[in-house]
C-alpha atoms as a PDB file:
ATOM      1  CA  MET A   1       4.307  23.362  12.844  1.00  0.00           C
ATOM      2  CA  LEU A   2       1.135  21.301  13.193  1.00  0.00           C
ATOM      3  CA  ASN A   3      -0.170  22.603   9.860  1.00  0.00           C
ATOM      4  CA  ALA A   4       3.023  21.452   8.155  1.00  0.00           C
ATOM      5  CA  LEU A   5       2.674  18.000   9.752  1.00  0.00           C
ATOM      6  CA  GLU A   6      -0.921  17.768   8.549  1.00  0.00           C
ATOM      7  CA  VAL A   7      -0.042  18.728   4.986  1.00  0.00           C
ATOM      8  CA  ILE A   8       3.072  16.528   4.818  1.00  0.00           C
ATOM      9  CA  THR A   9       1.170  13.537   6.222  1.00  0.00           C
ATOM     10  CA  THR A  10      -1.699  14.000   3.793  1.00  0.00           C
ATOM     11  CA  VAL A  11       0.676  14.311   0.836  1.00  0.00           C
ATOM     12  CA  VAL A  12       2.754  11.268   1.869  1.00  0.00           C
ATOM     13  CA  VAL A  13      -0.351   9.114   2.319  1.00  0.00           C
ATOM     14  CA  GLY A  14      -1.914  10.505  -0.863  1.00  0.00           C
ATOM     15  CA  VAL A  15       1.116   9.695  -2.989  1.00  0.00           C
ATOM     16  CA  MET A  16       1.241   6.205  -1.471  1.00  0.00           C
ATOM     17  CA  VAL A  17      -2.404   5.745  -2.411  1.00  0.00           C
ATOM     18  CA  GLY A  18      -1.615   6.874  -5.953  1.00  0.00           C
ATOM     19  CA  VAL A  19       1.249   4.417  -6.307  1.00  0.00           C
ATOM     20  CA  GLU A  20      -0.771   1.507  -4.924  1.00  0.00           C
ATOM     21  CA  PHE A  21      -3.795   2.432  -7.057  1.00  0.00           C
ATOM     22  CA  SER A  22      -1.539   2.512 -10.121  1.00  0.00           C
ATOM     23  CA  VAL A  23      -0.109  -0.903  -9.262  1.00  0.00           C
ATOM     24  CA  ALA A  24      -3.591  -2.356  -8.873  1.00  0.00           C
ATOM     25  CA  PHE A  25      -5.335  -0.856 -11.867  1.00  0.00           C
ATOM     26  CA  ILE A  26      -2.607   0.085 -14.355  1.00  0.00           C
ATOM     27  CA  MET A  27       0.723  -1.682 -13.878  1.00  0.00           C
ATOM     28  CA  ASN A  28      -0.704  -5.156 -13.270  1.00  0.00           C
ATOM     29  CA  ARG A  29      -2.832  -4.891 -16.406  1.00  0.00           C
ATOM     30  CA  ILE A  30       0.195  -3.785 -18.432  1.00  0.00           C
ATOM     31  CA  LEU A  31       2.362  -6.607 -17.060  1.00  0.00           C
ATOM     32  CA  ASP A  32      -0.354  -9.204 -17.614  1.00  0.00           C
ATOM     33  CA  ALA A  33      -0.651  -8.143 -21.272  1.00  0.00           C
ATOM     34  CA  LEU A  34       3.045  -8.680 -22.024  1.00  0.00           C
ATOM     35  CA  PRO A  35       3.985 -11.694 -24.135  1.00  0.00           C
ATOM     36  CA  GLU A  36       5.308 -14.988 -22.866  1.00  0.00           C
ATOM     37  CA  ASP A  37       7.271 -14.747 -19.605  1.00  0.00           C
ATOM     38  CA  SER A  38       7.754 -10.971 -19.660  1.00  0.00           C
ATOM     39  CA  GLY A  39       4.763 -10.300 -17.417  1.00  0.00           C
ATOM     40  CA  GLN A  40       5.880 -12.727 -14.730  1.00  0.00           C
ATOM     41  CA  LEU A  41       9.410 -11.316 -14.836  1.00  0.00           C
ATOM     42  CA  GLY A  42       7.953  -7.808 -14.551  1.00  0.00           C
ATOM     43  CA  HIS A  43       5.871  -8.821 -11.523  1.00  0.00           C
ATOM     44  CA  ALA A  44       8.986 -10.283  -9.894  1.00  0.00           C
ATOM     45  CA  HIS A  45      11.011  -7.130 -10.574  1.00  0.00           C
ATOM     46  CA  GLY A  46       8.198  -4.933  -9.290  1.00  0.00           C
ATOM     47  CA  GLY A  47       8.002  -7.086  -6.183  1.00  0.00           C
ATOM     48  CA  ARG A  48      11.686  -6.566  -5.527  1.00  0.00           C
ATOM     49  CA  MET A  49      11.642  -2.838  -6.238  1.00  0.00           C
ATOM     50  CA  LEU A  50       8.430  -1.851  -4.464  1.00  0.00           C
ATOM     51  CA  GLY A  51       8.907  -4.520  -1.812  1.00  0.00           C
ATOM     52  CA  ALA A  52      12.032  -2.674  -0.705  1.00  0.00           C
ATOM     53  CA  LEU A  53      10.347   0.752  -0.627  1.00  0.00           C
ATOM     54  CA  MET A  54       6.802   0.178   0.577  1.00  0.00           C
ATOM     55  CA  PRO A  55       7.525  -0.965   4.160  1.00  0.00           C
ATOM     56  CA  PHE A  56       9.138   2.415   4.870  1.00  0.00           C
ATOM     57  CA  TRP A  57       6.291   4.241   3.167  1.00  0.00           C
ATOM     58  CA  TYR A  58       3.552   2.357   5.025  1.00  0.00           C
ATOM     59  CA  ILE A  59       5.254   2.631   8.417  1.00  0.00           C
ATOM     60  CA  GLY A  60       6.203   6.262   7.748  1.00  0.00           C
ATOM     61  CA  SER A  61       2.604   7.109   6.844  1.00  0.00           C
ATOM     62  CA  LEU A  62       1.386   5.384   9.981  1.00  0.00           C
ATOM     63  CA  VAL A  63       3.920   7.173  12.213  1.00  0.00           C
ATOM     64  CA  LEU A  64       3.154  10.592  10.719  1.00  0.00           C
ATOM     65  CA  SER A  65      -0.576   9.993  11.114  1.00  0.00           C
ATOM     66  CA  ALA A  66      -0.152   8.798  14.700  1.00  0.00           C
ATOM     67  CA  ILE A  67       1.855  11.915  15.568  1.00  0.00           C
ATOM     68  CA  TRP A  68      -0.882  14.048  14.012  1.00  0.00           C
ATOM     69  CA  ALA A  69      -3.555  12.163  15.975  1.00  0.00           C
ATOM     70  CA  ALA A  70      -1.630  12.599  19.228  1.00  0.00           C
ATOM     71  CA  ALA A  71      -1.040  16.292  18.582  1.00  0.00           C
ATOM     72  CA  GLU A  72      -4.712  16.922  17.844  1.00  0.00           C
ATOM     73  CA  ARG A  73      -6.274  14.602  20.391  1.00  0.00           C
ATOM     74  CA  HIS A  74      -8.309  17.476  21.881  1.00  0.00           C
ATOM     75  CA  HIS A  75      -9.419  19.035  18.591  1.00  0.00           C
ATOM     76  CA  HIS A  76     -12.730  18.492  16.845  1.00  0.00           C
ATOM     77  CA  ASP A  77     -11.234  16.483  13.949  1.00  0.00           C
ATOM     78  CA  ALA A  78      -9.212  14.116  16.139  1.00  0.00           C
ATOM     79  CA  GLY A  79     -11.692  11.303  15.482  1.00  0.00           C
ATOM     80  CA  LEU A  80     -11.073  11.470  11.749  1.00  0.00           C
ATOM     81  CA  VAL A  81      -7.305  11.272  12.163  1.00  0.00           C
ATOM     82  CA  THR A  82      -7.575   8.513  14.758  1.00  0.00           C
ATOM     83  CA  ALA A  83      -9.817   6.506  12.432  1.00  0.00           C
ATOM     84  CA  ALA A  84      -7.276   7.016   9.631  1.00  0.00           C
ATOM     85  CA  VAL A  85      -4.543   5.703  11.947  1.00  0.00           C
ATOM     86  CA  GLY A  86      -6.678   2.637  12.626  1.00  0.00           C
ATOM     87  CA  LEU A  87      -7.092   2.010   8.905  1.00  0.00           C
ATOM     88  CA  LEU A  88      -3.368   2.444   8.297  1.00  0.00           C
ATOM     89  CA  ILE A  89      -2.714  -0.110  11.033  1.00  0.00           C
ATOM     90  CA  VAL A  90      -5.083  -2.489   9.223  1.00  0.00           C
ATOM     91  CA  SER A  91      -3.154  -1.890   5.977  1.00  0.00           C
ATOM     92  CA  VAL A  92       0.180  -2.671   7.655  1.00  0.00           C
ATOM     93  CA  VAL A  93      -1.186  -5.828   9.302  1.00  0.00           C
ATOM     94  CA  MET A  94      -2.707  -6.940   5.990  1.00  0.00           C
ATOM     95  CA  SER A  95       0.595  -6.331   4.273  1.00  0.00           C
ATOM     96  CA  ILE A  96       2.603  -8.324   6.784  1.00  0.00           C
ATOM     97  CA  LEU A  97       0.199 -11.240   7.099  1.00  0.00           C
ATOM     98  CA  LEU A  98      -1.237 -11.543   3.583  1.00  0.00           C
ATOM     99  CA  LEU A  99       0.708  -9.697   0.905  1.00  0.00           C
ATOM    100  CA  VAL A 100       4.368  -9.824   1.949  1.00  0.00           C
ATOM    101  CA  PRO A 101       4.548 -13.634   2.103  1.00  0.00           C
ATOM    102  CA  ILE A 102       3.275 -13.904  -1.481  1.00  0.00           C
ATOM    103  CA  ASN A 103       5.521 -11.059  -2.637  1.00  0.00           C
ATOM    104  CA  ASN A 104       8.563 -12.642  -1.006  1.00  0.00           C
ATOM    105  CA  ARG A 105       7.976 -15.779  -3.034  1.00  0.00           C
ATOM    106  CA  ASN A 106       7.083 -13.925  -6.238  1.00  0.00           C
ATOM    107  CA  LYS A 107      10.172 -11.735  -6.300  1.00  0.00           C
ATOM    108  CA  THR A 108      12.423 -14.804  -6.548  1.00  0.00           C
ATOM    109  CA  TRP A 109      10.516 -16.495  -9.377  1.00  0.00           C
ATOM    110  CA  THR A 110      11.888 -16.924 -12.854  1.00  0.00           C
ATOM    111  CA  PRO A 111      10.341 -18.898 -15.706  1.00  0.00           C
ATOM    112  CA  ASP A 112      12.593 -21.776 -14.661  1.00  0.00           C
ATOM    113  CA  ASN A 113      11.776 -21.966 -10.961  1.00  0.00           C
ATOM    114  CA  ARG A 114       8.250 -20.600 -10.518  1.00  0.00           C
ATOM    115  CA  PRO A 115       5.677 -22.970  -9.016  1.00  0.00           C
ATOM    116  CA  ALA A 116       2.850 -24.437 -11.049  1.00  0.00           C
ATOM    117  CA  ASP A 117       0.302 -22.267  -9.201  1.00  0.00           C
ATOM    118  CA  TRP A 118       2.170 -18.972  -9.660  1.00  0.00           C
ATOM    119  CA  LYS A 119      -0.759 -17.323 -11.466  1.00  0.00           C
ATOM    120  CA  GLN A 120      -3.156 -18.284  -8.677  1.00  0.00           C
ATOM    121  CA  GLN A 121      -0.748 -16.857  -6.111  1.00  0.00           C
ATOM    122  CA  LEU A 122      -0.489 -13.576  -8.036  1.00  0.00           C
ATOM    123  CA  ASN A 123      -4.292 -13.461  -8.334  1.00  0.00           C
ATOM    124  CA  ARG A 124      -4.575 -13.946  -4.564  1.00  0.00           C
ATOM    125  CA  TRP A 125      -2.045 -11.139  -4.027  1.00  0.00           C
ATOM    126  CA  ASN A 126      -4.117  -8.916  -6.343  1.00  0.00           C
ATOM    127  CA  ARG A 127      -7.344  -9.616  -4.439  1.00  0.00           C
ATOM    128  CA  TYR A 128      -5.693  -8.739  -1.136  1.00  0.00           C
ATOM    129  CA  HIS A 129      -4.100  -5.692  -2.737  1.00  0.00           C
ATOM    130  CA  TYR A 130      -7.497  -4.396  -3.964  1.00  0.00           C
ATOM    131  CA  ILE A 131      -8.773  -4.569  -0.395  1.00  0.00           C
ATOM    132  CA  ARG A 132      -5.647  -2.847   0.930  1.00  0.00           C
ATOM    133  CA  VAL A 133      -6.031  -0.094  -1.667  1.00  0.00           C
ATOM    134  CA  ALA A 134      -9.617   0.470  -0.514  1.00  0.00           C
ATOM    135  CA  VAL A 135      -8.413   0.662   3.096  1.00  0.00           C
ATOM    136  CA  ILE A 136      -5.689   3.214   2.373  1.00  0.00           C
ATOM    137  CA  ILE A 137      -8.034   5.271   0.172  1.00  0.00           C
ATOM    138  CA  ALA A 138     -10.422   5.431   3.121  1.00  0.00           C
ATOM    139  CA  ALA A 139      -7.549   6.485   5.414  1.00  0.00           C
ATOM    140  CA  PHE A 140      -6.468   9.160   2.943  1.00  0.00           C
ATOM    141  CA  THR A 141     -10.043  10.420   2.649  1.00  0.00           C
ATOM    142  CA  LEU A 142     -10.277  10.769   6.443  1.00  0.00           C
ATOM    143  CA  LEU A 143      -6.959  12.641   6.592  1.00  0.00           C
ATOM    144  CA  ALA A 144      -8.026  14.951   3.767  1.00  0.00           C
ATOM    145  CA  ALA A 145     -11.330  15.613   5.532  1.00  0.00           C
ATOM    146  CA  ALA A 146      -9.502  16.384   8.786  1.00  0.00           C
ATOM    147  CA  LEU A 147      -7.150  18.713   6.924  1.00  0.00           C
ATOM    148  CA  ALA A 148     -10.066  20.572   5.360  1.00  0.00           C
END
Protein backbone atom coordinates (compact mmCIF):
# COMPACT_ATOMS: atom_id res chain seq x y z
CA MET A 1 0.00 0.00 0.00
CA LEU A 2 2.82 2.39 0.85
CA ASN A 3 4.49 1.74 -2.51
CA ALA A 4 1.28 2.68 -4.29
CA LEU A 5 1.04 5.90 -2.25
CA GLU A 6 4.63 6.77 -3.13
CA VAL A 7 4.11 6.19 -6.84
CA ILE A 8 0.74 7.97 -6.97
CA THR A 9 2.11 10.96 -5.06
CA THR A 10 5.16 11.22 -7.30
CA VAL A 11 3.03 11.00 -10.44
CA VAL A 12 0.49 13.58 -9.20
CA VAL A 13 3.22 16.04 -8.24
CA GLY A 14 5.15 15.31 -11.44
CA VAL A 15 2.17 16.00 -13.67
CA MET A 16 1.47 19.20 -11.74
CA VAL A 17 5.06 20.26 -12.33
CA GLY A 18 4.65 19.53 -16.03
CA VAL A 19 1.50 21.62 -16.30
CA GLU A 20 3.00 24.55 -14.40
CA PHE A 21 6.25 24.33 -16.39
CA SER A 22 4.21 24.37 -19.61
CA VAL A 23 2.27 27.42 -18.44
CA ALA A 24 5.48 29.25 -17.60
CA PHE A 25 7.59 28.42 -20.61
CA ILE A 26 5.18 27.48 -23.40
CA MET A 27 1.61 28.71 -22.97
CA ASN A 28 2.49 32.22 -21.81
CA ARG A 29 4.82 32.67 -24.78
CA ILE A 30 2.10 31.46 -27.16
CA LEU A 31 -0.52 33.76 -25.61
CA ASP A 32 1.84 36.74 -25.62
CA ALA A 33 2.50 36.24 -29.35
CA LEU A 34 -1.19 36.38 -30.31
CA PRO A 35 -2.41 39.51 -32.09
CA GLU A 36 -4.26 42.39 -30.52
CA ASP A 37 -6.36 41.45 -27.48
CA SER A 38 -6.30 37.69 -28.05
CA GLY A 39 -3.39 37.12 -25.69
CA GLN A 40 -4.99 38.99 -22.81
CA LEU A 41 -8.28 37.15 -23.36
CA GLY A 42 -6.36 33.86 -23.42
CA HIS A 43 -4.62 34.72 -20.13
CA ALA A 44 -8.01 35.52 -18.58
CA HIS A 45 -9.52 32.25 -19.81
CA GLY A 46 -6.51 30.29 -18.60
CA GLY A 47 -6.80 32.01 -15.24
CA ARG A 48 -10.41 30.92 -14.94
CA MET A 49 -9.80 27.36 -16.11
CA LEU A 50 -6.59 26.57 -14.23
CA GLY A 51 -7.60 28.77 -11.31
CA ALA A 52 -10.49 26.40 -10.69
CA LEU A 53 -8.35 23.24 -10.92
CA MET A 54 -5.00 24.11 -9.38
CA PRO A 55 -6.09 24.65 -5.75
CA PHE A 56 -7.25 21.02 -5.60
CA TRP A 57 -4.08 19.83 -7.30
CA TYR A 58 -1.74 21.79 -5.01
CA ILE A 59 -3.59 20.84 -1.82
CA GLY A 60 -3.98 17.24 -3.01
CA SER A 61 -0.25 17.00 -3.74
CA LEU A 62 0.53 18.43 -0.32
CA VAL A 63 -1.86 16.03 1.46
CA LEU A 64 -0.53 12.98 -0.39
CA SER A 65 3.05 14.01 0.37
CA ALA A 66 2.25 14.63 4.03
CA ILE A 67 0.65 11.19 4.34
CA TRP A 68 3.75 9.67 2.74
CA ALA A 69 6.01 11.60 5.13
CA ALA A 70 3.97 10.48 8.14
CA ALA A 71 3.95 6.86 6.99
CA GLU A 72 7.71 6.83 6.46
CA ARG A 73 8.77 8.96 9.40
CA HIS A 74 11.10 6.21 10.66
CA HIS A 75 12.61 5.27 7.30
CA HIS A 76 15.91 6.48 5.90
CA ASP A 77 14.32 8.65 3.17
CA ALA A 78 11.86 10.41 5.48
CA GLY A 79 13.96 13.59 5.38
CA LEU A 80 13.59 13.85 1.62
CA VAL A 81 9.81 13.49 1.76
CA THR A 82 9.54 15.88 4.70
CA ALA A 83 11.61 18.47 2.83
CA ALA A 84 9.34 18.01 -0.20
CA VAL A 85 6.31 18.63 2.04
CA GLY A 86 7.95 21.82 3.27
CA LEU A 87 8.49 23.00 -0.30
CA LEU A 88 4.91 22.17 -1.24
CA ILE A 89 3.74 24.22 1.73
CA VAL A 90 5.86 27.11 0.43
CA SER A 91 4.23 26.71 -3.01
CA VAL A 92 0.72 26.81 -1.51
CA VAL A 93 1.53 29.87 0.63
CA MET A 94 3.08 31.61 -2.39
CA SER A 95 0.00 30.81 -4.42
CA ILE A 96 -2.41 32.16 -1.84
CA LEU A 97 -0.47 35.30 -0.97
CA LEU A 98 1.12 36.27 -4.30
CA LEU A 99 -0.38 34.56 -7.33
CA VAL A 100 -4.08 34.06 -6.56
CA PRO A 101 -4.81 37.76 -5.94
CA ILE A 102 -3.37 38.68 -9.35
CA ASN A 103 -5.12 35.75 -11.03
CA ASN A 104 -8.45 36.68 -9.45
CA ARG A 105 -8.19 40.11 -11.02
CA ASN A 106 -6.85 38.85 -14.35
CA LYS A 107 -9.60 36.30 -14.93
CA THR A 108 -12.24 39.05 -14.96
CA TRP A 109 -10.42 41.35 -17.39
CA THR A 110 -11.63 42.06 -20.89
CA PRO A 111 -10.21 44.59 -23.34
CA ASP A 112 -12.90 46.98 -22.11
CA ASN A 113 -12.34 46.77 -18.36
CA ARG A 114 -8.69 45.83 -17.83
CA PRO A 115 -6.57 48.29 -15.84
CA ALA A 116 -3.86 50.38 -17.45
CA ASP A 117 -1.15 48.34 -15.70
CA TRP A 118 -2.51 44.92 -16.71
CA LYS A 119 0.73 43.93 -18.48
CA GLN A 120 2.80 44.81 -15.41
CA GLN A 121 0.46 42.74 -13.25
CA LEU A 122 0.78 39.75 -15.59
CA ASN A 123 4.58 40.18 -15.60
CA ARG A 124 4.56 40.18 -11.79
CA TRP A 125 2.43 37.01 -11.81
CA ASN A 126 4.92 35.42 -14.22
CA ARG A 127 7.90 36.27 -12.00
CA TYR A 128 6.20 34.74 -8.97
CA HIS A 129 5.15 31.76 -11.07
CA TYR A 130 8.76 31.10 -12.18
CA ILE A 131 9.78 30.95 -8.53
CA ARG A 132 6.86 28.67 -7.68
CA VAL A 133 7.78 26.37 -10.57
CA ALA A 134 11.33 26.13 -9.22
CA VAL A 135 9.96 25.29 -5.77
CA ILE A 136 7.67 22.53 -7.02
CA ILE A 137 10.40 21.12 -9.28
CA ALA A 138 12.61 20.87 -6.20
CA ALA A 139 9.78 19.14 -4.28
CA PHE A 140 9.24 16.71 -7.15
CA THR A 141 12.97 15.99 -7.32
CA LEU A 142 13.02 15.16 -3.60
CA LEU A 143 10.00 12.86 -3.95
CA ALA A 144 11.54 11.12 -6.95
CA ALA A 145 14.80 10.66 -5.03
CA ALA A 146 12.91 9.22 -2.05
CA LEU A 147 11.02 6.88 -4.37
CA ALA A 148 14.26 5.65 -5.93
